[in-house]
Amino acid sequence: NNRGRLSDFSNYGRYSVDVAAPGENI
């Protein structure tokens, strides 16, 4: 999100999700 945090809805994973990018209110 625009506060620099992983979006609440986003899946995550220390070993399976590689990077993040803006995806909230785009």
PDB file of all heavy atoms in Angstrom:
ATOM      1  N   ASN A   1       0.829  -1.203   0.000  1.00  0.00           N
ATOM      2  CA  ASN A   1       0.000   0.000   0.000  1.00  0.00           C
ATOM      3  C   ASN A   1       0.868   1.260   0.000  1.00  0.00           C
ATOM      4  O   ASN A   1       2.102   1.176   0.027  1.00  0.00           O
ATOM      5  CB  ASN A   1      -0.979  -0.005   1.179  1.00  0.00           C
ATOM      6  CG  ASN A   1      -0.278  -0.042   2.536  1.00  0.00           C
ATOM      7  OD1 ASN A   1       0.835   0.468   2.704  1.00  0.00           O
ATOM      8  ND2 ASN A   1      -0.938  -0.655   3.519  1.00  0.00           N
ATOM      9  N   ASN A   2       0.222   2.416  -0.024  1.00  0.00           N
ATOM     10  CA  ASN A   2       0.985   3.665  -0.159  1.00  0.00           C
ATOM     11  C   ASN A   2       1.682   4.094   1.128  1.00  0.00           C
ATOM     12  O   ASN A   2       2.377   5.105   1.156  1.00  0.00           O
ATOM     13  CB  ASN A   2       0.079   4.798  -0.675  1.00  0.00           C
ATOM     14  CG  ASN A   2      -0.949   5.246   0.348  1.00  0.00           C
ATOM     15  OD1 ASN A   2      -1.247   4.536   1.308  1.00  0.00           O
ATOM     16  ND2 ASN A   2      -1.529   6.418   0.135  1.00  0.00           N
ATOM     17  N   ARG A   3       1.520   3.291   2.197  1.00  0.00           N
ATOM     18  CA  ARG A   3       2.253   3.532   3.452  1.00  0.00           C
ATOM     19  C   ARG A   3       3.496   2.651   3.547  1.00  0.00           C
ATOM     20  O   ARG A   3       4.155   2.612   4.583  1.00  0.00           O
ATOM     21  CB  ARG A   3       1.356   3.267   4.666  1.00  0.00           C
ATOM     22  CG  ARG A   3       0.392   4.408   4.976  1.00  0.00           C
ATOM     23  CD  ARG A   3      -0.934   4.220   4.300  1.00  0.00           C
ATOM     24  NE  ARG A   3      -1.646   3.052   4.779  1.00  0.00           N
ATOM     25  CZ  ARG A   3      -2.586   2.416   4.065  1.00  0.00           C
ATOM     26  NH1 ARG A   3      -2.885   2.828   2.840  1.00  0.00           N
ATOM     27  NH2 ARG A   3      -3.214   1.375   4.554  1.00  0.00           N
ATOM     28  N   GLY A   4       3.794   1.920   2.480  1.00  0.00           N
ATOM     29  CA  GLY A   4       5.004   1.118   2.455  1.00  0.00           C
ATOM     30  C   GLY A   4       4.889  -0.208   3.172  1.00  0.00           C
ATOM     31  O   GLY A   4       5.909  -0.818   3.516  1.00  0.00           O
ATOM     32  N   ARG A   5       3.673  -0.656   3.395  1.00  0.00           N
ATOM     33  CA  ARG A   5       3.464  -1.925   4.077  1.00  0.00           C
ATOM     34  C   ARG A   5       2.769  -2.912   3.141  1.00  0.00           C
ATOM     35  O   ARG A   5       2.046  -2.517   2.226  1.00  0.00           O
ATOM     36  CB  ARG A   5       2.622  -1.739   5.346  1.00  0.00           C
ATOM     37  CG  ARG A   5       3.311  -0.873   6.389  1.00  0.00           C
ATOM     38  CD  ARG A   5       2.400  -0.588   7.577  1.00  0.00           C
ATOM     39  NE  ARG A   5       3.086   0.240   8.570  1.00  0.00           N
ATOM     40  CZ  ARG A   5       3.768  -0.229   9.594  1.00  0.00           C
ATOM     41  NH1 ARG A   5       3.848  -1.536   9.785  1.00  0.00           N
ATOM     42  NH2 ARG A   5       4.354   0.575  10.446  1.00  0.00           N
ATOM     43  N   LEU A   6       2.960  -4.194   3.399  1.00  0.00           N
ATOM     44  CA  LEU A   6       2.274  -5.205   2.622  1.00  0.00           C
ATOM     45  C   LEU A   6       0.769  -5.029   2.809  1.00  0.00           C
ATOM     46  O   LEU A   6       0.285  -4.832   3.922  1.00  0.00           O
ATOM     47  CB  LEU A   6       2.708  -6.605   3.075  1.00  0.00           C
ATOM     48  CG  LEU A   6       2.628  -7.726   2.043  1.00  0.00           C
ATOM     49  CD1 LEU A   6       3.602  -7.471   0.895  1.00  0.00           C
ATOM     50  CD2 LEU A   6       2.935  -9.060   2.695  1.00  0.00           C
ATOM     51  N   SER A   7       0.023  -5.060   1.723  1.00  0.00           N
ATOM     52  CA  SER A   7      -1.434  -4.892   1.795  1.00  0.00           C
ATOM     53  C   SER A   7      -2.054  -5.989   2.657  1.00  0.00           C
ATOM     54  O   SER A   7      -1.591  -7.139   2.658  1.00  0.00           O
ATOM     55  CB  SER A   7      -2.045  -4.943   0.395  1.00  0.00           C
ATOM     56  OG  SER A   7      -1.554  -3.912  -0.426  1.00  0.00           O
ATOM     57  N   ASP A   8      -3.118  -5.648   3.362  1.00  0.00           N
ATOM     58  CA  ASP A   8      -3.773  -6.615   4.239  1.00  0.00           C
ATOM     59  C   ASP A   8      -4.249  -7.842   3.463  1.00  0.00           C
ATOM     60  O   ASP A   8      -4.232  -8.957   3.986  1.00  0.00           O
ATOM     61  CB  ASP A   8      -4.960  -5.971   4.955  1.00  0.00           C
ATOM     62  CG  ASP A   8      -4.540  -4.950   6.001  1.00  0.00           C
ATOM     63  OD1 ASP A   8      -3.369  -5.010   6.440  1.00  0.00           O
ATOM     64  OD2 ASP A   8      -5.366  -4.098   6.370  1.00  0.00           O
ATOM     65  N   PHE A   9      -4.686  -7.641   2.219  1.00  0.00           N
ATOM     66  CA  PHE A   9      -5.225  -8.759   1.446  1.00  0.00           C
ATOM     67  C   PHE A   9      -4.144  -9.603   0.794  1.00  0.00           C
ATOM     68  O   PHE A   9      -4.394 -10.726   0.346  1.00  0.00           O
ATOM     69  CB  PHE A   9      -6.186  -8.252   0.362  1.00  0.00           C
ATOM     70  CG  PHE A   9      -5.564  -7.256  -0.592  1.00  0.00           C
ATOM     71  CD1 PHE A   9      -4.704  -7.671  -1.602  1.00  0.00           C
ATOM     72  CD2 PHE A   9      -5.857  -5.903  -0.477  1.00  0.00           C
ATOM     73  CE1 PHE A   9      -4.132  -6.758  -2.474  1.00  0.00           C
ATOM     74  CE2 PHE A   9      -5.293  -4.984  -1.342  1.00  0.00           C
ATOM     75  CZ  PHE A   9      -4.429  -5.410  -2.351  1.00  0.00           C
ATOM     76  N   SER A  10      -2.922  -9.079   0.715  1.00  0.00           N
ATOM     77  CA  SER A  10      -1.885  -9.753  -0.057  1.00  0.00           C
ATOM     78  C   SER A  10      -1.427 -11.054   0.584  1.00  0.00           C
ATOM     79  O   SER A  10      -1.210 -11.135   1.796  1.00  0.00           O
ATOM     80  CB  SER A  10      -0.671  -8.839  -0.231  1.00  0.00           C
ATOM     81  OG  SER A  10       0.353  -9.484  -0.971  1.00  0.00           O
ATOM     82  N   ASN A  11      -1.265 -12.088  -0.248  1.00  0.00           N
ATOM     83  CA  ASN A  11      -0.567 -13.283   0.227  1.00  0.00           C
ATOM     84  C   ASN A  11       0.900 -12.936   0.490  1.00  0.00           C
ATOM     85  O   ASN A  11       1.420 -11.950  -0.040  1.00  0.00           O
ATOM     86  CB  ASN A  11      -0.657 -14.413  -0.797  1.00  0.00           C
ATOM     87  CG  ASN A  11      -2.045 -15.027  -0.858  1.00  0.00           C
ATOM     88  OD1 ASN A  11      -2.983 -14.554  -0.214  1.00  0.00           O
ATOM     89  ND2 ASN A  11      -2.184 -16.074  -1.650  1.00  0.00           N
ATOM     90  N   TYR A  12       1.544 -13.747   1.281  1.00  0.00           N
ATOM     91  CA  TYR A  12       2.929 -13.479   1.664  1.00  0.00           C
ATOM     92  C   TYR A  12       3.675 -14.805   1.736  1.00  0.00           C
ATOM     93  O   TYR A  12       3.123 -15.872   1.433  1.00  0.00           O
ATOM     94  CB  TYR A  12       2.984 -12.734   3.001  1.00  0.00           C
ATOM     95  CG  TYR A  12       2.239 -13.447   4.112  1.00  0.00           C
ATOM     96  CD1 TYR A  12       2.899 -14.324   4.973  1.00  0.00           C
ATOM     97  CD2 TYR A  12       0.863 -13.250   4.287  1.00  0.00           C
ATOM     98  CE1 TYR A  12       2.211 -14.991   5.980  1.00  0.00           C
ATOM     99  CE2 TYR A  12       0.170 -13.917   5.292  1.00  0.00           C
ATOM    100  CZ  TYR A  12       0.845 -14.783   6.130  1.00  0.00           C
ATOM    101  OH  TYR A  12       0.169 -15.447   7.121  1.00  0.00           O
ATOM    102  N   GLY A  13       4.916 -14.777   2.152  1.00  0.00           N
ATOM    103  CA  GLY A  13       5.717 -15.990   2.266  1.00  0.00           C
ATOM    104  C   GLY A  13       7.191 -15.635   2.263  1.00  0.00           C
ATOM    105  O   GLY A  13       7.687 -15.097   1.282  1.00  0.00           O
ATOM    106  N   ARG A  14       7.865 -15.946   3.346  1.00  0.00           N
ATOM    107  CA  ARG A  14       9.286 -15.596   3.468  1.00  0.00           C
ATOM    108  C   ARG A  14      10.139 -16.299   2.419  1.00  0.00           C
ATOM    109  O   ARG A  14      11.235 -15.848   2.095  1.00  0.00           O
ATOM    110  CB  ARG A  14       9.796 -15.972   4.866  1.00  0.00           C
ATOM    111  CG  ARG A  14       9.237 -15.121   5.977  1.00  0.00           C
ATOM    112  CD  ARG A  14       9.771 -13.695   5.951  1.00  0.00           C
ATOM    113  NE  ARG A  14      11.190 -13.620   6.233  1.00  0.00           N
ATOM    114  CZ  ARG A  14      12.089 -13.082   5.445  1.00  0.00           C
ATOM    115  NH1 ARG A  14      11.741 -12.591   4.272  1.00  0.00           N
ATOM    116  NH2 ARG A  14      13.359 -13.037   5.787  1.00  0.00           N
ATOM    117  N   TYR A  15       9.634 -17.392   1.873  1.00  0.00           N
ATOM    118  CA  TYR A  15      10.426 -18.149   0.910  1.00  0.00           C
ATOM    119  C   TYR A  15       9.709 -18.346  -0.421  1.00  0.00           C
ATOM    120  O   TYR A  15      10.256 -18.967  -1.325  1.00  0.00           O
ATOM    121  CB  TYR A  15      10.783 -19.518   1.509  1.00  0.00           C
ATOM    122  CG  TYR A  15      11.426 -19.391   2.872  1.00  0.00           C
ATOM    123  CD1 TYR A  15      10.706 -19.666   4.028  1.00  0.00           C
ATOM    124  CD2 TYR A  15      12.735 -18.960   3.006  1.00  0.00           C
ATOM    125  CE1 TYR A  15      11.280 -19.516   5.280  1.00  0.00           C
ATOM    126  CE2 TYR A  15      13.320 -18.812   4.255  1.00  0.00           C
ATOM    127  CZ  TYR A  15      12.583 -19.093   5.388  1.00  0.00           C
ATOM    128  OH  TYR A  15      13.160 -18.945   6.622  1.00  0.00           O
ATOM    129  N   SER A  16       8.496 -17.830  -0.553  1.00  0.00           N
ATOM    130  CA  SER A  16       7.718 -18.101  -1.764  1.00  0.00           C
ATOM    131  C   SER A  16       7.216 -16.856  -2.482  1.00  0.00           C
ATOM    132  O   SER A  16       6.813 -16.947  -3.646  1.00  0.00           O
ATOM    133  CB  SER A  16       6.522 -19.003  -1.429  1.00  0.00           C
ATOM    134  OG  SER A  16       5.734 -18.410  -0.411  1.00  0.00           O
ATOM    135  N   VAL A  17       7.209 -15.712  -1.825  1.00  0.00           N
ATOM    136  CA  VAL A  17       6.826 -14.450  -2.477  1.00  0.00           C
ATOM    137  C   VAL A  17       8.083 -13.602  -2.592  1.00  0.00           C
ATOM    138  O   VAL A  17       8.690 -13.242  -1.583  1.00  0.00           O
ATOM    139  CB  VAL A  17       5.718 -13.721  -1.694  1.00  0.00           C
ATOM    140  CG1 VAL A  17       5.373 -12.401  -2.378  1.00  0.00           C
ATOM    141  CG2 VAL A  17       4.476 -14.601  -1.580  1.00  0.00           C
ATOM    142  N   ASP A  18       8.477 -13.295  -3.815  1.00  0.00           N
ATOM    143  CA  ASP A  18       9.802 -12.726  -4.056  1.00  0.00           C
ATOM    144  C   ASP A  18       9.913 -11.249  -3.729  1.00  0.00           C
ATOM    145  O   ASP A  18      10.841 -10.820  -3.036  1.00  0.00           O
ATOM    146  CB  ASP A  18      10.201 -12.954  -5.517  1.00  0.00           C
ATOM    147  CG  ASP A  18      10.322 -14.428  -5.852  1.00  0.00           C
ATOM    148  OD1 ASP A  18      10.891 -15.172  -5.027  1.00  0.00           O
ATOM    149  OD2 ASP A  18       9.849 -14.837  -6.917  1.00  0.00           O
ATOM    150  N   VAL A  19       8.995 -10.449  -4.255  1.00  0.00           N
ATOM    151  CA  VAL A  19       9.064  -8.995  -4.078  1.00  0.00           C
ATOM    152  C   VAL A  19       7.658  -8.444  -3.908  1.00  0.00           C
ATOM    153  O   VAL A  19       6.669  -9.143  -4.123  1.00  0.00           O
ATOM    154  CB  VAL A  19       9.733  -8.298  -5.300  1.00  0.00           C
ATOM    155  CG1 VAL A  19      11.179  -8.717  -5.449  1.00  0.00           C
ATOM    156  CG2 VAL A  19       8.953  -8.585  -6.577  1.00  0.00           C
ATOM    157  N   ALA A  20       7.594  -7.171  -3.539  1.00  0.00           N
ATOM    158  CA  ALA A  20       6.320  -6.461  -3.469  1.00  0.00           C
ATOM    159  C   ALA A  20       6.355  -5.284  -4.425  1.00  0.00           C
ATOM    160  O   ALA A  20       7.427  -4.783  -4.791  1.00  0.00           O
ATOM    161  CB  ALA A  20       6.046  -5.979  -2.047  1.00  0.00           C
ATOM    162  N   ALA A  21       5.160  -4.830  -4.827  1.00  0.00           N
ATOM    163  CA  ALA A  21       5.015  -3.657  -5.683  1.00  0.00           C
ATOM    164  C   ALA A  21       3.680  -3.000  -5.357  1.00  0.00           C
ATOM    165  O   ALA A  21       2.804  -3.629  -4.748  1.00  0.00           O
ATOM    166  CB  ALA A  21       5.084  -4.050  -7.159  1.00  0.00           C
ATOM    167  N   PRO A  22       3.490  -1.741  -5.726  1.00  0.00           N
ATOM    168  CA  PRO A  22       2.213  -1.075  -5.454  1.00  0.00           C
ATOM    169  C   PRO A  22       1.043  -1.853  -6.042  1.00  0.00           C
ATOM    170  O   PRO A  22       1.046  -2.196  -7.235  1.00  0.00           O
ATOM    171  CB  PRO A  22       2.388   0.281  -6.134  1.00  0.00           C
ATOM    172  CG  PRO A  22       3.871   0.519  -6.119  1.00  0.00           C
ATOM    173  CD  PRO A  22       4.474  -0.826  -6.342  1.00  0.00           C
ATOM    174  N   GLY A  23       0.042  -2.154  -5.197  1.00  0.00           N
ATOM    175  CA  GLY A  23      -1.095  -2.916  -5.680  1.00  0.00           C
ATOM    176  C   GLY A  23      -2.415  -2.504  -5.062  1.00  0.00           C
ATOM    177  O   GLY A  23      -3.441  -3.125  -5.309  1.00  0.00           O
ATOM    178  N   GLU A  24      -2.381  -1.461  -4.277  1.00  0.00           N
ATOM    179  CA  GLU A  24      -3.595  -1.041  -3.575  1.00  0.00           C
ATOM    180  C   GLU A  24      -4.025   0.337  -4.066  1.00  0.00           C
ATOM    181  O   GLU A  24      -3.242   1.281  -4.065  1.00  0.00           O
ATOM    182  CB  GLU A  24      -3.324  -1.019  -2.059  1.00  0.00           C
ATOM    183  CG  GLU A  24      -4.562  -0.960  -1.199  1.00  0.00           C
ATOM    184  CD  GLU A  24      -4.273  -1.279   0.263  1.00  0.00           C
ATOM    185  OE1 GLU A  24      -3.316  -2.036   0.545  1.00  0.00           O
ATOM    186  OE2 GLU A  24      -4.997  -0.761   1.128  1.00  0.00           O
ATOM    187  N   ASN A  25      -5.286   0.446  -4.505  1.00  0.00           N
ATOM    188  CA  ASN A  25      -5.815   1.709  -5.037  1.00  0.00           C
ATOM    189  C   ASN A  25      -4.959   2.228  -6.190  1.00  0.00           C
ATOM    190  O   ASN A  25      -4.420   3.340  -6.150  1.00  0.00           O
ATOM    191  CB  ASN A  25      -5.923   2.756  -3.927  1.00  0.00           C
ATOM    192  CG  ASN A  25      -6.929   2.361  -2.863  1.00  0.00           C
ATOM    193  OD1 ASN A  25      -8.013   1.864  -3.174  1.00  0.00           O
ATOM    194  ND2 ASN A  25      -6.574   2.551  -1.605  1.00  0.00           N
ATOM    195  N   ILE A  26      -4.844   1.405  -7.219  1.00  0.00           N
ATOM    196  CA  ILE A  26      -4.015   1.720  -8.387  1.00  0.00           C
ATOM    197  C   ILE A  26      -4.892   2.239  -9.518  1.00  0.00           C
ATOM    198  O   ILE A  26      -5.820   1.554  -9.969  1.00  0.00           O
ATOM    199  CB  ILE A  26      -3.227   0.481  -8.850  1.00  0.00           C
ATOM    200  CG1 ILE A  26      -2.351  -0.038  -7.714  1.00  0.00           C
ATOM    201  CG2 ILE A  26      -2.406   0.805 -10.088  1.00  0.00           C
ATOM    202  CD1 ILE A  26      -1.342   0.956  -7.191  1.00  0.00           C
TER     203      ILE A  26
END
